Amino acid sequence: MKIRNQVWIDTEKYLVITLREPFWSAWKTYGWEYGVEGFGVSLEAIKKAQEINKKIRVRLLRYGSYEISPQKALEAGRKFITRDNKPIMVIPRTAFDKFSMSKYRQSLIEEKEKIRIERKSEVDND
């Protein structure tokens, strides 16, 4: 799924959204603590995560991964309408839980292993 150049990947546990970089000056715009950047997440993605009952994982290229529940994203974020009239929520980085890359890589390995086992069992059943 792709909305406003955001690619959503629906994994077993998360709705993963990849962003190029944060909104560096969000702290100025929204009056947050000095230097706190914001992550712009499509309001549609947040609602989708609520529907399917999954947490949101935001992957920032070169900056790591962060997790947040849809409810917390709606509470902590500020609504912003983009140039093409799409609503996004700008959420302060401090509202997210930092996800270490080693845990992230481990979860990818576990997901790939689960898929491999499922495919193997399908082939064995044929």
N, C-alpha and C. Protein backbone atom coordinates (compact mmCIF):
# COMPACT_ATOMS: atom_id res chain seq x y z
N MET A 1 0.84 -1.17 0.00
CA MET A 1 0.00 0.00 0.00
C MET A 1 0.90 1.24 0.00
N LYS A 2 0.52 2.27 -0.75
CA LYS A 2 1.35 3.45 -0.82
C LYS A 2 0.48 4.70 -0.75
N ILE A 3 0.72 5.53 0.25
CA ILE A 3 0.00 6.78 0.42
C ILE A 3 1.02 7.88 0.65
N ARG A 4 0.92 8.94 -0.11
CA ARG A 4 1.82 10.10 0.06
C ARG A 4 3.27 9.66 0.14
N ASN A 5 3.67 8.82 -0.79
CA ASN A 5 5.05 8.31 -0.87
C ASN A 5 5.46 7.50 0.35
N GLN A 6 4.51 7.07 1.15
CA GLN A 6 4.81 6.19 2.27
C GLN A 6 4.43 4.77 1.88
N VAL A 7 5.38 3.87 2.00
CA VAL A 7 5.10 2.48 1.71
C VAL A 7 4.74 1.81 3.02
N TRP A 8 3.60 1.14 3.07
CA TRP A 8 3.18 0.40 4.25
C TRP A 8 3.42 -1.08 4.00
N ILE A 9 4.03 -1.73 4.95
CA ILE A 9 4.23 -3.17 4.86
C ILE A 9 3.52 -3.79 6.05
N ASP A 10 2.56 -4.63 5.77
CA ASP A 10 1.78 -5.28 6.82
C ASP A 10 2.46 -6.59 7.19
N THR A 11 3.19 -6.60 8.32
CA THR A 11 3.86 -7.82 8.78
C THR A 11 2.96 -8.51 9.80
N GLU A 12 3.46 -9.58 10.37
CA GLU A 12 2.67 -10.34 11.32
C GLU A 12 2.30 -9.52 12.57
N LYS A 13 3.22 -8.67 13.02
CA LYS A 13 2.99 -7.94 14.26
C LYS A 13 2.83 -6.44 14.09
N TYR A 14 3.31 -5.89 12.97
CA TYR A 14 3.37 -4.44 12.82
C TYR A 14 2.88 -3.99 11.44
N LEU A 15 2.51 -2.72 11.40
CA LEU A 15 2.35 -2.02 10.14
C LEU A 15 3.62 -1.18 10.03
N VAL A 16 4.49 -1.54 9.11
CA VAL A 16 5.80 -0.90 9.00
C VAL A 16 5.73 0.21 7.95
N ILE A 17 6.20 1.38 8.33
CA ILE A 17 6.21 2.55 7.44
C ILE A 17 7.64 3.04 7.35
N THR A 18 8.12 3.25 6.14
CA THR A 18 9.48 3.73 5.94
C THR A 18 9.45 5.21 5.57
N LEU A 19 10.24 5.99 6.30
CA LEU A 19 10.38 7.42 6.02
C LEU A 19 11.83 7.72 5.68
N ARG A 20 12.04 8.70 4.83
CA ARG A 20 13.40 9.09 4.48
C ARG A 20 14.10 9.79 5.63
N GLU A 21 13.41 10.75 6.22
CA GLU A 21 13.98 11.48 7.35
C GLU A 21 12.87 12.11 8.16
N PRO A 22 13.17 12.49 9.41
CA PRO A 22 12.14 13.13 10.24
C PRO A 22 11.91 14.59 9.86
N PHE A 23 10.88 15.17 10.43
CA PHE A 23 10.58 16.59 10.30
C PHE A 23 11.40 17.26 11.40
N TRP A 24 12.58 17.71 11.02
CA TRP A 24 13.59 18.19 11.98
C TRP A 24 13.12 19.37 12.82
N SER A 25 12.38 20.29 12.24
CA SER A 25 12.00 21.50 12.98
C SER A 25 10.59 21.42 13.57
N ALA A 26 10.07 20.22 13.73
CA ALA A 26 8.72 20.07 14.28
C ALA A 26 8.60 20.70 15.66
N TRP A 27 9.67 20.66 16.42
CA TRP A 27 9.63 21.24 17.78
C TRP A 27 9.29 22.73 17.74
N LYS A 28 9.77 23.41 16.70
CA LYS A 28 9.46 24.85 16.57
C LYS A 28 8.00 25.05 16.19
N THR A 29 7.54 24.26 15.24
CA THR A 29 6.18 24.40 14.73
C THR A 29 5.13 24.07 15.78
N TYR A 30 5.37 23.02 16.57
CA TYR A 30 4.36 22.54 17.50
C TYR A 30 4.65 22.86 18.96
N GLY A 31 5.73 23.59 19.23
CA GLY A 31 6.02 23.99 20.60
C GLY A 31 6.49 22.87 21.50
N TRP A 32 7.12 21.86 20.92
CA TRP A 32 7.64 20.74 21.71
C TRP A 32 8.97 21.12 22.32
N GLU A 33 9.50 20.24 23.14
CA GLU A 33 10.81 20.44 23.76
C GLU A 33 11.86 20.70 22.67
N TYR A 34 12.83 21.53 23.00
CA TYR A 34 13.87 21.94 22.04
C TYR A 34 14.51 20.72 21.35
N GLY A 35 14.54 20.77 20.04
CA GLY A 35 15.23 19.75 19.25
C GLY A 35 14.46 18.47 18.97
N VAL A 36 13.25 18.33 19.48
CA VAL A 36 12.49 17.09 19.25
C VAL A 36 11.90 17.11 17.85
N GLU A 37 12.36 16.14 17.04
CA GLU A 37 11.86 16.04 15.67
C GLU A 37 10.54 15.29 15.64
N GLY A 38 9.82 15.41 14.54
CA GLY A 38 8.55 14.72 14.38
C GLY A 38 8.60 13.73 13.24
N PHE A 39 7.78 12.70 13.34
CA PHE A 39 7.65 11.71 12.29
C PHE A 39 6.26 11.88 11.68
N GLY A 40 6.19 12.13 10.40
CA GLY A 40 4.91 12.32 9.72
C GLY A 40 4.36 11.00 9.24
N VAL A 41 3.29 10.54 9.87
CA VAL A 41 2.67 9.27 9.53
C VAL A 41 1.26 9.53 9.01
N SER A 42 0.96 8.94 7.89
CA SER A 42 -0.36 9.10 7.28
C SER A 42 -1.47 8.73 8.27
N LEU A 43 -2.47 9.59 8.38
CA LEU A 43 -3.60 9.32 9.25
C LEU A 43 -4.30 8.04 8.81
N GLU A 44 -4.32 7.80 7.52
CA GLU A 44 -4.92 6.58 6.99
C GLU A 44 -4.17 5.33 7.47
N ALA A 45 -2.83 5.44 7.56
CA ALA A 45 -2.02 4.31 8.05
C ALA A 45 -2.32 4.04 9.53
N ILE A 46 -2.48 5.10 10.30
CA ILE A 46 -2.78 4.93 11.72
C ILE A 46 -4.13 4.25 11.89
N LYS A 47 -5.12 4.69 11.13
CA LYS A 47 -6.45 4.08 11.21
C LYS A 47 -6.41 2.62 10.76
N LYS A 48 -5.61 2.33 9.73
CA LYS A 48 -5.47 0.95 9.25
C LYS A 48 -4.86 0.08 10.35
N ALA A 49 -3.83 0.59 11.03
CA ALA A 49 -3.20 -0.16 12.12
C ALA A 49 -4.20 -0.42 13.25
N GLN A 50 -5.07 0.54 13.52
CA GLN A 50 -6.12 0.34 14.53
C GLN A 50 -7.08 -0.75 14.10
N GLU A 51 -7.48 -0.72 12.84
CA GLU A 51 -8.41 -1.73 12.30
C GLU A 51 -7.87 -3.14 12.44
N ILE A 52 -6.61 -3.31 12.08
CA ILE A 52 -6.02 -4.65 12.07
C ILE A 52 -5.34 -4.99 13.40
N ASN A 53 -5.45 -4.07 14.37
CA ASN A 53 -4.96 -4.28 15.73
C ASN A 53 -3.46 -4.59 15.78
N LYS A 54 -2.67 -3.72 15.14
CA LYS A 54 -1.22 -3.87 15.13
C LYS A 54 -0.56 -2.56 15.53
N LYS A 55 0.65 -2.69 16.07
CA LYS A 55 1.44 -1.50 16.37
C LYS A 55 2.03 -0.95 15.07
N ILE A 56 2.48 0.29 15.14
CA ILE A 56 3.11 0.93 13.99
C ILE A 56 4.61 0.96 14.25
N ARG A 57 5.35 0.53 13.26
CA ARG A 57 6.81 0.64 13.33
C ARG A 57 7.24 1.60 12.23
N VAL A 58 7.94 2.66 12.62
CA VAL A 58 8.44 3.64 11.66
C VAL A 58 9.92 3.37 11.49
N ARG A 59 10.33 3.09 10.26
CA ARG A 59 11.75 2.90 9.93
C ARG A 59 12.23 4.16 9.24
N LEU A 60 13.22 4.78 9.84
CA LEU A 60 13.82 5.96 9.23
C LEU A 60 15.15 5.54 8.64
N LEU A 61 15.32 5.78 7.35
CA LEU A 61 16.57 5.42 6.71
C LEU A 61 17.71 6.13 7.43
N ARG A 62 18.71 5.43 7.80
CA ARG A 62 19.91 5.92 8.51
C ARG A 62 19.69 6.32 9.96
N TYR A 63 18.45 6.30 10.48
CA TYR A 63 18.22 6.77 11.84
C TYR A 63 17.61 5.73 12.76
N GLY A 64 17.33 4.55 12.28
CA GLY A 64 16.79 3.50 13.14
C GLY A 64 15.30 3.33 13.01
N SER A 65 14.76 2.51 13.90
CA SER A 65 13.34 2.18 13.89
C SER A 65 12.70 2.53 15.22
N TYR A 66 11.43 2.90 15.14
CA TYR A 66 10.67 3.32 16.32
C TYR A 66 9.29 2.69 16.27
N GLU A 67 8.72 2.41 17.45
CA GLU A 67 7.41 1.79 17.54
C GLU A 67 6.45 2.66 18.33
N ILE A 68 5.17 2.56 17.98
CA ILE A 68 4.13 3.28 18.70
C ILE A 68 2.80 2.58 18.46
N SER A 69 1.91 2.66 19.43
CA SER A 69 0.57 2.11 19.24
C SER A 69 -0.25 3.14 18.47
N PRO A 70 -1.24 2.70 17.71
CA PRO A 70 -2.08 3.66 16.97
C PRO A 70 -2.76 4.67 17.90
N GLN A 71 -3.22 4.19 19.06
CA GLN A 71 -3.89 5.07 20.01
C GLN A 71 -2.96 6.17 20.50
N LYS A 72 -1.74 5.79 20.85
CA LYS A 72 -0.76 6.77 21.33
C LYS A 72 -0.38 7.74 20.21
N ALA A 73 -0.31 7.25 18.98
CA ALA A 73 0.00 8.11 17.84
C ALA A 73 -1.06 9.19 17.66
N LEU A 74 -2.32 8.80 17.81
CA LEU A 74 -3.41 9.77 17.68
C LEU A 74 -3.41 10.77 18.83
N GLU A 75 -3.08 10.30 20.04
CA GLU A 75 -3.06 11.19 21.21
C GLU A 75 -1.89 12.17 21.16
N ALA A 76 -0.72 11.67 20.79
CA ALA A 76 0.50 12.49 20.85
C ALA A 76 0.71 13.35 19.60
N GLY A 77 0.16 12.92 18.48
CA GLY A 77 0.42 13.60 17.22
C GLY A 77 -0.42 14.85 17.01
N ARG A 78 0.04 15.63 16.05
CA ARG A 78 -0.68 16.82 15.63
C ARG A 78 -1.05 16.66 14.17
N LYS A 79 -2.29 16.94 13.85
CA LYS A 79 -2.76 16.77 12.48
C LYS A 79 -2.19 17.86 11.58
N PHE A 80 -1.78 17.44 10.40
CA PHE A 80 -1.23 18.35 9.41
C PHE A 80 -1.80 17.95 8.06
N ILE A 81 -2.22 18.91 7.27
CA ILE A 81 -2.74 18.63 5.92
C ILE A 81 -1.63 18.95 4.92
N THR A 82 -1.27 17.97 4.11
CA THR A 82 -0.19 18.13 3.14
C THR A 82 -0.65 18.96 1.94
N ARG A 83 0.28 19.27 1.07
CA ARG A 83 -0.04 20.07 -0.12
C ARG A 83 -1.10 19.44 -1.00
N ASP A 84 -1.12 18.11 -1.02
CA ASP A 84 -2.13 17.43 -1.85
C ASP A 84 -3.36 17.02 -1.02
N ASN A 85 -3.60 17.75 0.07
CA ASN A 85 -4.78 17.58 0.93
C ASN A 85 -4.91 16.21 1.59
N LYS A 86 -3.79 15.57 1.89
CA LYS A 86 -3.79 14.29 2.61
C LYS A 86 -3.45 14.58 4.08
N PRO A 87 -4.26 14.08 5.01
CA PRO A 87 -3.96 14.31 6.42
C PRO A 87 -2.87 13.37 6.93
N ILE A 88 -1.92 13.93 7.63
CA ILE A 88 -0.90 13.12 8.31
C ILE A 88 -0.88 13.55 9.77
N MET A 89 -0.32 12.70 10.60
CA MET A 89 -0.11 13.04 12.00
C MET A 89 1.39 13.22 12.18
N VAL A 90 1.78 14.37 12.70
CA VAL A 90 3.18 14.61 13.02
C VAL A 90 3.33 14.25 14.49
N ILE A 91 4.11 13.21 14.74
CA ILE A 91 4.22 12.63 16.08
C ILE A 91 5.63 12.90 16.60
N PRO A 92 5.77 13.40 17.83
CA PRO A 92 7.12 13.66 18.35
C PRO A 92 7.89 12.35 18.56
N ARG A 93 9.17 12.39 18.26
CA ARG A 93 10.01 11.21 18.44
C ARG A 93 9.93 10.68 19.86
N THR A 94 9.78 11.56 20.82
CA THR A 94 9.76 11.15 22.23
C THR A 94 8.53 10.31 22.59
N ALA A 95 7.52 10.30 21.75
CA ALA A 95 6.33 9.47 22.01
C ALA A 95 6.56 8.02 21.59
N PHE A 96 7.59 7.78 20.80
CA PHE A 96 7.88 6.44 20.28
C PHE A 96 8.82 5.69 21.22
N ASP A 97 8.78 4.36 21.12
CA ASP A 97 9.78 3.50 21.76
C ASP A 97 10.83 3.20 20.71
N LYS A 98 12.08 3.37 21.05
CA LYS A 98 13.18 3.07 20.12
C LYS A 98 13.29 1.56 19.98
N PHE A 99 13.42 1.11 18.77
CA PHE A 99 13.56 -0.32 18.49
C PHE A 99 14.98 -0.55 18.01
N SER A 100 15.73 -1.34 18.75
CA SER A 100 17.13 -1.54 18.39
C SER A 100 17.22 -2.36 17.10
N MET A 101 18.21 -2.05 16.31
CA MET A 101 18.38 -2.74 15.03
C MET A 101 18.59 -4.24 15.22
N SER A 102 19.27 -4.64 16.30
CA SER A 102 19.49 -6.06 16.49
C SER A 102 18.16 -6.79 16.73
N LYS A 103 17.24 -6.19 17.49
CA LYS A 103 15.92 -6.79 17.68
C LYS A 103 15.17 -6.81 16.36
N TYR A 104 15.29 -5.74 15.61
CA TYR A 104 14.62 -5.66 14.32
C TYR A 104 15.13 -6.76 13.39
N ARG A 105 16.43 -6.89 13.31
CA ARG A 105 17.01 -7.94 12.45
C ARG A 105 16.57 -9.32 12.93
N GLN A 106 16.53 -9.51 14.26
CA GLN A 106 16.10 -10.78 14.80
C GLN A 106 14.66 -11.08 14.42
N SER A 107 13.79 -10.07 14.48
CA SER A 107 12.39 -10.30 14.10
C SER A 107 12.26 -10.63 12.62
N LEU A 108 13.09 -9.99 11.78
CA LEU A 108 13.08 -10.33 10.36
C LEU A 108 13.51 -11.78 10.13
N ILE A 109 14.54 -12.19 10.83
CA ILE A 109 15.02 -13.56 10.71
C ILE A 109 13.94 -14.54 11.14
N GLU A 110 13.26 -14.23 12.26
CA GLU A 110 12.19 -15.10 12.75
C GLU A 110 11.04 -15.18 11.75
N GLU A 111 10.67 -14.04 11.16
CA GLU A 111 9.59 -14.03 10.17
C GLU A 111 9.97 -14.84 8.94
N LYS A 112 11.21 -14.66 8.46
CA LYS A 112 11.67 -15.41 7.29
C LYS A 112 11.70 -16.91 7.59
N GLU A 113 12.14 -17.27 8.78
CA GLU A 113 12.20 -18.68 9.16
C GLU A 113 10.79 -19.28 9.22
N LYS A 114 9.84 -18.52 9.76
CA LYS A 114 8.47 -19.00 9.83
C LYS A 114 7.91 -19.23 8.42
N ILE A 115 8.16 -18.31 7.52
CA ILE A 115 7.69 -18.44 6.14
C ILE A 115 8.35 -19.65 5.47
N ARG A 116 9.66 -19.82 5.73
CA ARG A 116 10.38 -20.97 5.15
C ARG A 116 9.77 -22.27 5.63
N ILE A 117 9.46 -22.37 6.92
CA ILE A 117 8.88 -23.59 7.48
C ILE A 117 7.49 -23.83 6.89
N GLU A 118 6.69 -22.76 6.77
CA GLU A 118 5.35 -22.89 6.18
C GLU A 118 5.44 -23.39 4.74
N ARG A 119 6.35 -22.80 3.98
CA ARG A 119 6.50 -23.24 2.57
C ARG A 119 6.98 -24.67 2.48
N LYS A 120 7.89 -25.03 3.38
CA LYS A 120 8.40 -26.41 3.38
C LYS A 120 7.27 -27.38 3.69
N SER A 121 6.42 -27.04 4.66
CA SER A 121 5.31 -27.92 5.00
C SER A 121 4.30 -28.02 3.86
N GLU A 122 4.11 -26.92 3.12
CA GLU A 122 3.21 -26.95 1.95
C GLU A 122 3.77 -27.88 0.89
N VAL A 123 5.08 -27.82 0.64
CA VAL A 123 5.71 -28.67 -0.35
C VAL A 123 5.65 -30.13 0.09
N ASP A 124 5.88 -30.37 1.38
CA ASP A 124 5.83 -31.75 1.91
C ASP A 124 4.43 -32.34 1.81
N ASN A 125 3.40 -31.49 1.94
CA ASN A 125 2.02 -31.97 1.86
C ASN A 125 1.56 -32.26 0.44
N ASP A 126 2.26 -31.71 -0.54
CA ASP A 126 1.88 -31.94 -1.94
C ASP A 126 2.30 -33.26 -2.45
